Amino acid sequence: MQKTSLTALARTELESALAASSGRSSRTIYGGHEHSLRQTLIALKAGERLSEHESPGEATIQVLVGRVRLVAGKNSWGGWIGDLLTIPDATHSLEADEDSVVLLTVVKSV
């Protein structure tokens, strides 16, 4: 059993993102290459984005801090604190409308 404070980790990642020249920071908090399930905290400074990319499997984003926009083609979905967004099986990007931290959960396709 392992207990992790997402609130404390989110605060730390956001501080790192705000200090980074890229305006972003991330940290895998569970899983990795040897697991099917991976959970990663991603912090983005307001106005920054993760450019378009494919999803490696089923995935969701839970907004822990701030406000983000998930964009896939002509569709977009806004997410605020407490929202859970299902990532579509399509090329997509993530934009931070405010300083934000999300929890990305991915189950890799087999």
N, C-alpha and C. Protein backbone atom coordinates (compact mmCIF):
# COMPACT_ATOMS: atom_id res chain seq x y z
N MET A 1 0.85 -1.18 0.00
CA MET A 1 0.00 0.00 0.00
C MET A 1 0.89 1.23 0.00
N GLN A 2 0.53 2.17 -0.85
CA GLN A 2 1.25 3.43 -0.89
C GLN A 2 0.24 4.56 -0.89
N LYS A 3 0.49 5.57 -0.09
CA LYS A 3 -0.39 6.73 -0.01
C LYS A 3 0.36 7.93 -0.56
N THR A 4 -0.31 8.69 -1.43
CA THR A 4 0.30 9.86 -2.05
C THR A 4 -0.65 11.04 -1.95
N SER A 5 -0.15 12.20 -1.56
CA SER A 5 -0.96 13.41 -1.52
C SER A 5 -0.90 14.09 -2.88
N LEU A 6 -1.98 13.99 -3.64
CA LEU A 6 -2.03 14.65 -4.95
C LEU A 6 -1.99 16.17 -4.79
N THR A 7 -2.55 16.67 -3.71
CA THR A 7 -2.55 18.12 -3.47
C THR A 7 -1.12 18.63 -3.31
N ALA A 8 -0.32 17.94 -2.50
CA ALA A 8 1.07 18.36 -2.29
C ALA A 8 1.89 18.21 -3.56
N LEU A 9 1.72 17.07 -4.26
CA LEU A 9 2.47 16.86 -5.50
C LEU A 9 2.08 17.87 -6.57
N ALA A 10 0.79 18.21 -6.64
CA ALA A 10 0.33 19.20 -7.63
C ALA A 10 0.97 20.56 -7.36
N ARG A 11 1.03 20.93 -6.11
CA ARG A 11 1.64 22.22 -5.74
C ARG A 11 3.12 22.25 -6.16
N THR A 12 3.83 21.16 -5.90
CA THR A 12 5.25 21.07 -6.26
C THR A 12 5.45 21.10 -7.77
N GLU A 13 4.63 20.36 -8.52
CA GLU A 13 4.77 20.34 -9.99
C GLU A 13 4.44 21.69 -10.59
N LEU A 14 3.43 22.37 -10.05
CA LEU A 14 3.09 23.69 -10.57
C LEU A 14 4.22 24.68 -10.31
N GLU A 15 4.84 24.62 -9.15
CA GLU A 15 6.00 25.47 -8.87
C GLU A 15 7.12 25.21 -9.86
N SER A 16 7.34 23.94 -10.18
CA SER A 16 8.38 23.57 -11.16
C SER A 16 8.03 24.10 -12.55
N ALA A 17 6.76 23.98 -12.94
CA ALA A 17 6.34 24.47 -14.26
C ALA A 17 6.49 25.98 -14.37
N LEU A 18 6.14 26.70 -13.31
CA LEU A 18 6.23 28.15 -13.34
C LEU A 18 7.68 28.62 -13.39
N ALA A 19 8.60 27.82 -12.85
CA ALA A 19 10.02 28.16 -12.88
C ALA A 19 10.72 27.70 -14.16
N ALA A 20 10.12 26.77 -14.88
CA ALA A 20 10.75 26.21 -16.08
C ALA A 20 10.56 27.12 -17.29
N SER A 21 11.58 27.18 -18.15
CA SER A 21 11.47 28.00 -19.36
C SER A 21 10.39 27.47 -20.30
N SER A 22 10.11 26.18 -20.24
CA SER A 22 9.07 25.57 -21.09
C SER A 22 7.68 25.84 -20.57
N GLY A 23 7.57 26.23 -19.29
CA GLY A 23 6.26 26.48 -18.70
C GLY A 23 5.50 25.21 -18.36
N ARG A 24 6.22 24.09 -18.28
CA ARG A 24 5.53 22.84 -17.94
C ARG A 24 6.44 21.91 -17.17
N SER A 25 5.82 20.97 -16.50
CA SER A 25 6.54 20.00 -15.70
C SER A 25 5.66 18.76 -15.58
N SER A 26 6.27 17.59 -15.47
CA SER A 26 5.48 16.37 -15.29
C SER A 26 6.24 15.37 -14.44
N ARG A 27 5.48 14.47 -13.85
CA ARG A 27 6.06 13.46 -12.97
C ARG A 27 5.15 12.25 -12.95
N THR A 28 5.68 11.09 -13.29
CA THR A 28 4.91 9.85 -13.18
C THR A 28 4.82 9.49 -11.71
N ILE A 29 3.59 9.30 -11.22
CA ILE A 29 3.42 8.99 -9.81
C ILE A 29 3.04 7.53 -9.59
N TYR A 30 2.62 6.85 -10.64
CA TYR A 30 2.35 5.42 -10.55
C TYR A 30 2.58 4.79 -11.91
N GLY A 31 3.13 3.59 -11.88
CA GLY A 31 3.31 2.83 -13.11
C GLY A 31 4.60 3.19 -13.81
N GLY A 32 4.59 2.98 -15.08
CA GLY A 32 5.79 3.18 -15.89
C GLY A 32 5.81 2.15 -17.00
N HIS A 33 6.94 1.97 -17.60
CA HIS A 33 7.05 1.07 -18.74
C HIS A 33 6.73 -0.37 -18.39
N GLU A 34 6.94 -0.78 -17.14
CA GLU A 34 6.71 -2.16 -16.75
C GLU A 34 5.27 -2.43 -16.34
N HIS A 35 4.40 -1.42 -16.36
CA HIS A 35 3.00 -1.56 -15.97
C HIS A 35 2.08 -1.19 -17.13
N SER A 36 0.86 -1.70 -17.09
CA SER A 36 -0.16 -1.31 -18.08
C SER A 36 -0.76 0.04 -17.72
N LEU A 37 -0.92 0.29 -16.42
CA LEU A 37 -1.51 1.53 -15.92
C LEU A 37 -0.40 2.52 -15.59
N ARG A 38 -0.58 3.76 -16.04
CA ARG A 38 0.37 4.83 -15.70
C ARG A 38 -0.42 6.07 -15.33
N GLN A 39 0.01 6.72 -14.22
CA GLN A 39 -0.59 7.97 -13.81
C GLN A 39 0.51 9.02 -13.70
N THR A 40 0.28 10.14 -14.37
CA THR A 40 1.28 11.19 -14.46
C THR A 40 0.65 12.54 -14.13
N LEU A 41 1.30 13.29 -13.25
CA LEU A 41 0.89 14.67 -12.99
C LEU A 41 1.54 15.55 -14.05
N ILE A 42 0.75 16.40 -14.65
CA ILE A 42 1.26 17.34 -15.65
C ILE A 42 0.85 18.75 -15.22
N ALA A 43 1.83 19.62 -15.08
CA ALA A 43 1.58 21.01 -14.71
C ALA A 43 1.91 21.90 -15.90
N LEU A 44 1.03 22.84 -16.18
CA LEU A 44 1.21 23.78 -17.30
C LEU A 44 0.95 25.19 -16.82
N LYS A 45 1.85 26.09 -17.18
CA LYS A 45 1.67 27.51 -16.92
C LYS A 45 0.54 28.01 -17.85
N ALA A 46 -0.21 29.01 -17.42
CA ALA A 46 -1.28 29.57 -18.25
C ALA A 46 -0.75 29.92 -19.63
N GLY A 47 -1.49 29.53 -20.67
CA GLY A 47 -1.10 29.82 -22.05
C GLY A 47 -0.23 28.76 -22.69
N GLU A 48 0.29 27.81 -21.91
CA GLU A 48 1.11 26.74 -22.47
C GLU A 48 0.23 25.59 -22.94
N ARG A 49 0.82 24.73 -23.78
CA ARG A 49 0.04 23.59 -24.27
C ARG A 49 0.94 22.41 -24.53
N LEU A 50 0.32 21.24 -24.50
CA LEU A 50 0.98 20.03 -24.98
C LEU A 50 0.52 19.89 -26.42
N SER A 51 1.44 19.90 -27.36
CA SER A 51 1.07 19.88 -28.77
C SER A 51 0.39 18.57 -29.13
N GLU A 52 -0.18 18.53 -30.32
CA GLU A 52 -0.94 17.37 -30.78
C GLU A 52 -0.11 16.10 -30.69
N HIS A 53 -0.78 15.05 -30.21
CA HIS A 53 -0.15 13.74 -30.09
C HIS A 53 -1.23 12.67 -30.04
N GLU A 54 -0.82 11.43 -30.25
CA GLU A 54 -1.73 10.29 -30.16
C GLU A 54 -1.73 9.78 -28.73
N SER A 55 -2.79 9.12 -28.34
CA SER A 55 -2.85 8.49 -27.03
C SER A 55 -2.36 7.05 -27.14
N PRO A 56 -1.52 6.61 -26.19
CA PRO A 56 -1.02 5.25 -26.24
C PRO A 56 -2.04 4.20 -25.80
N GLY A 57 -3.22 4.61 -25.41
CA GLY A 57 -4.27 3.69 -24.96
C GLY A 57 -5.43 4.46 -24.39
N GLU A 58 -6.30 3.76 -23.64
CA GLU A 58 -7.41 4.44 -23.00
C GLU A 58 -6.85 5.43 -21.99
N ALA A 59 -7.44 6.63 -21.94
CA ALA A 59 -6.87 7.66 -21.07
C ALA A 59 -7.93 8.65 -20.60
N THR A 60 -7.66 9.20 -19.41
CA THR A 60 -8.49 10.26 -18.86
C THR A 60 -7.59 11.34 -18.28
N ILE A 61 -8.16 12.52 -18.14
CA ILE A 61 -7.48 13.63 -17.46
C ILE A 61 -8.41 14.13 -16.37
N GLN A 62 -7.90 14.20 -15.14
CA GLN A 62 -8.63 14.78 -14.03
C GLN A 62 -7.97 16.11 -13.70
N VAL A 63 -8.75 17.17 -13.70
CA VAL A 63 -8.20 18.50 -13.42
C VAL A 63 -8.11 18.69 -11.91
N LEU A 64 -6.89 18.91 -11.43
CA LEU A 64 -6.65 19.11 -10.00
C LEU A 64 -6.54 20.59 -9.64
N VAL A 65 -5.98 21.38 -10.54
CA VAL A 65 -5.77 22.81 -10.32
C VAL A 65 -6.02 23.52 -11.65
N GLY A 66 -6.70 24.66 -11.62
CA GLY A 66 -6.83 25.50 -12.81
C GLY A 66 -7.91 25.11 -13.78
N ARG A 67 -7.67 25.48 -15.04
CA ARG A 67 -8.66 25.28 -16.11
C ARG A 67 -7.91 24.94 -17.38
N VAL A 68 -8.34 23.87 -18.06
CA VAL A 68 -7.68 23.40 -19.27
C VAL A 68 -8.69 23.20 -20.39
N ARG A 69 -8.16 23.01 -21.59
CA ARG A 69 -9.00 22.70 -22.75
C ARG A 69 -8.35 21.54 -23.49
N LEU A 70 -9.12 20.48 -23.69
CA LEU A 70 -8.69 19.31 -24.46
C LEU A 70 -9.23 19.50 -25.87
N VAL A 71 -8.34 19.46 -26.86
CA VAL A 71 -8.73 19.74 -28.25
C VAL A 71 -8.40 18.52 -29.12
N ALA A 72 -9.40 18.08 -29.89
CA ALA A 72 -9.22 16.98 -30.84
C ALA A 72 -9.92 17.40 -32.14
N GLY A 73 -9.12 17.77 -33.14
CA GLY A 73 -9.70 18.24 -34.40
C GLY A 73 -10.48 19.51 -34.18
N LYS A 74 -11.75 19.51 -34.62
CA LYS A 74 -12.61 20.69 -34.47
C LYS A 74 -13.37 20.69 -33.14
N ASN A 75 -13.20 19.63 -32.35
CA ASN A 75 -13.89 19.52 -31.07
C ASN A 75 -12.98 19.94 -29.93
N SER A 76 -13.59 20.53 -28.90
CA SER A 76 -12.82 20.86 -27.70
C SER A 76 -13.74 20.77 -26.48
N TRP A 77 -13.11 20.45 -25.35
CA TRP A 77 -13.83 20.29 -24.10
C TRP A 77 -13.07 21.03 -23.02
N GLY A 78 -13.77 21.86 -22.27
CA GLY A 78 -13.16 22.57 -21.16
C GLY A 78 -13.22 21.73 -19.90
N GLY A 79 -12.20 21.87 -19.07
CA GLY A 79 -12.17 21.16 -17.80
C GLY A 79 -11.74 22.09 -16.69
N TRP A 80 -12.45 22.02 -15.56
CA TRP A 80 -12.15 22.82 -14.39
C TRP A 80 -11.85 21.88 -13.23
N ILE A 81 -11.43 22.44 -12.11
CA ILE A 81 -11.10 21.63 -10.94
C ILE A 81 -12.21 20.62 -10.65
N GLY A 82 -11.81 19.35 -10.53
CA GLY A 82 -12.75 18.28 -10.23
C GLY A 82 -13.32 17.59 -11.46
N ASP A 83 -13.12 18.14 -12.65
CA ASP A 83 -13.65 17.51 -13.86
C ASP A 83 -12.76 16.36 -14.31
N LEU A 84 -13.40 15.35 -14.88
CA LEU A 84 -12.71 14.21 -15.46
C LEU A 84 -13.05 14.19 -16.95
N LEU A 85 -12.03 14.31 -17.79
CA LEU A 85 -12.22 14.32 -19.24
C LEU A 85 -11.71 13.00 -19.81
N THR A 86 -12.52 12.36 -20.64
CA THR A 86 -12.09 11.15 -21.33
C THR A 86 -11.39 11.58 -22.61
N ILE A 87 -10.17 11.14 -22.79
CA ILE A 87 -9.39 11.53 -23.97
C ILE A 87 -9.85 10.69 -25.16
N PRO A 88 -10.21 11.34 -26.26
CA PRO A 88 -10.68 10.59 -27.43
C PRO A 88 -9.55 9.81 -28.09
N ASP A 89 -9.92 8.75 -28.78
CA ASP A 89 -8.94 7.94 -29.52
C ASP A 89 -8.65 8.64 -30.84
N ALA A 90 -8.01 9.79 -30.74
CA ALA A 90 -7.70 10.63 -31.90
C ALA A 90 -6.55 11.55 -31.51
N THR A 91 -5.91 12.14 -32.49
CA THR A 91 -4.87 13.12 -32.22
C THR A 91 -5.49 14.25 -31.41
N HIS A 92 -4.80 14.68 -30.37
CA HIS A 92 -5.35 15.70 -29.48
C HIS A 92 -4.23 16.53 -28.86
N SER A 93 -4.61 17.65 -28.27
CA SER A 93 -3.67 18.51 -27.55
C SER A 93 -4.35 18.96 -26.26
N LEU A 94 -3.56 19.53 -25.36
CA LEU A 94 -4.08 20.04 -24.10
C LEU A 94 -3.55 21.45 -23.91
N GLU A 95 -4.45 22.39 -23.64
CA GLU A 95 -4.09 23.79 -23.46
C GLU A 95 -4.47 24.25 -22.05
N ALA A 96 -3.61 25.04 -21.43
CA ALA A 96 -3.89 25.58 -20.09
C ALA A 96 -4.44 26.99 -20.21
N ASP A 97 -5.69 27.17 -19.82
CA ASP A 97 -6.30 28.50 -19.81
C ASP A 97 -5.84 29.28 -18.57
N GLU A 98 -5.50 28.55 -17.52
CA GLU A 98 -4.95 29.11 -16.28
C GLU A 98 -3.77 28.23 -15.88
N ASP A 99 -2.96 28.66 -14.90
CA ASP A 99 -1.96 27.77 -14.35
C ASP A 99 -2.71 26.51 -13.90
N SER A 100 -2.28 25.35 -14.37
CA SER A 100 -3.07 24.14 -14.17
C SER A 100 -2.22 22.92 -13.86
N VAL A 101 -2.86 21.97 -13.18
CA VAL A 101 -2.26 20.66 -12.96
C VAL A 101 -3.34 19.63 -13.23
N VAL A 102 -2.99 18.61 -14.01
CA VAL A 102 -3.92 17.52 -14.31
C VAL A 102 -3.28 16.19 -13.95
N LEU A 103 -4.13 15.22 -13.69
CA LEU A 103 -3.68 13.86 -13.47
C LEU A 103 -4.06 13.06 -14.71
N LEU A 104 -3.06 12.66 -15.48
CA LEU A 104 -3.28 11.86 -16.68
C LEU A 104 -3.20 10.38 -16.28
N THR A 105 -4.26 9.64 -16.59
CA THR A 105 -4.29 8.20 -16.33
C THR A 105 -4.40 7.49 -17.66
N VAL A 106 -3.47 6.57 -17.93
CA VAL A 106 -3.43 5.86 -19.21
C VAL A 106 -3.32 4.36 -18.94
N VAL A 107 -4.12 3.60 -19.66
CA VAL A 107 -3.94 2.16 -19.71
C VAL A 107 -3.47 1.85 -21.12
N LYS A 108 -2.22 1.39 -21.23
CA LYS A 108 -1.62 1.14 -22.54
C LYS A 108 -2.36 0.06 -23.31
N SER A 109 -2.52 0.29 -24.61
CA SER A 109 -3.12 -0.71 -25.48
C SER A 109 -2.16 -1.89 -25.60
N VAL A 110 -2.73 -3.06 -25.73
CA VAL A 110 -1.88 -4.26 -25.85
C VAL A 110 -1.55 -4.56 -27.28
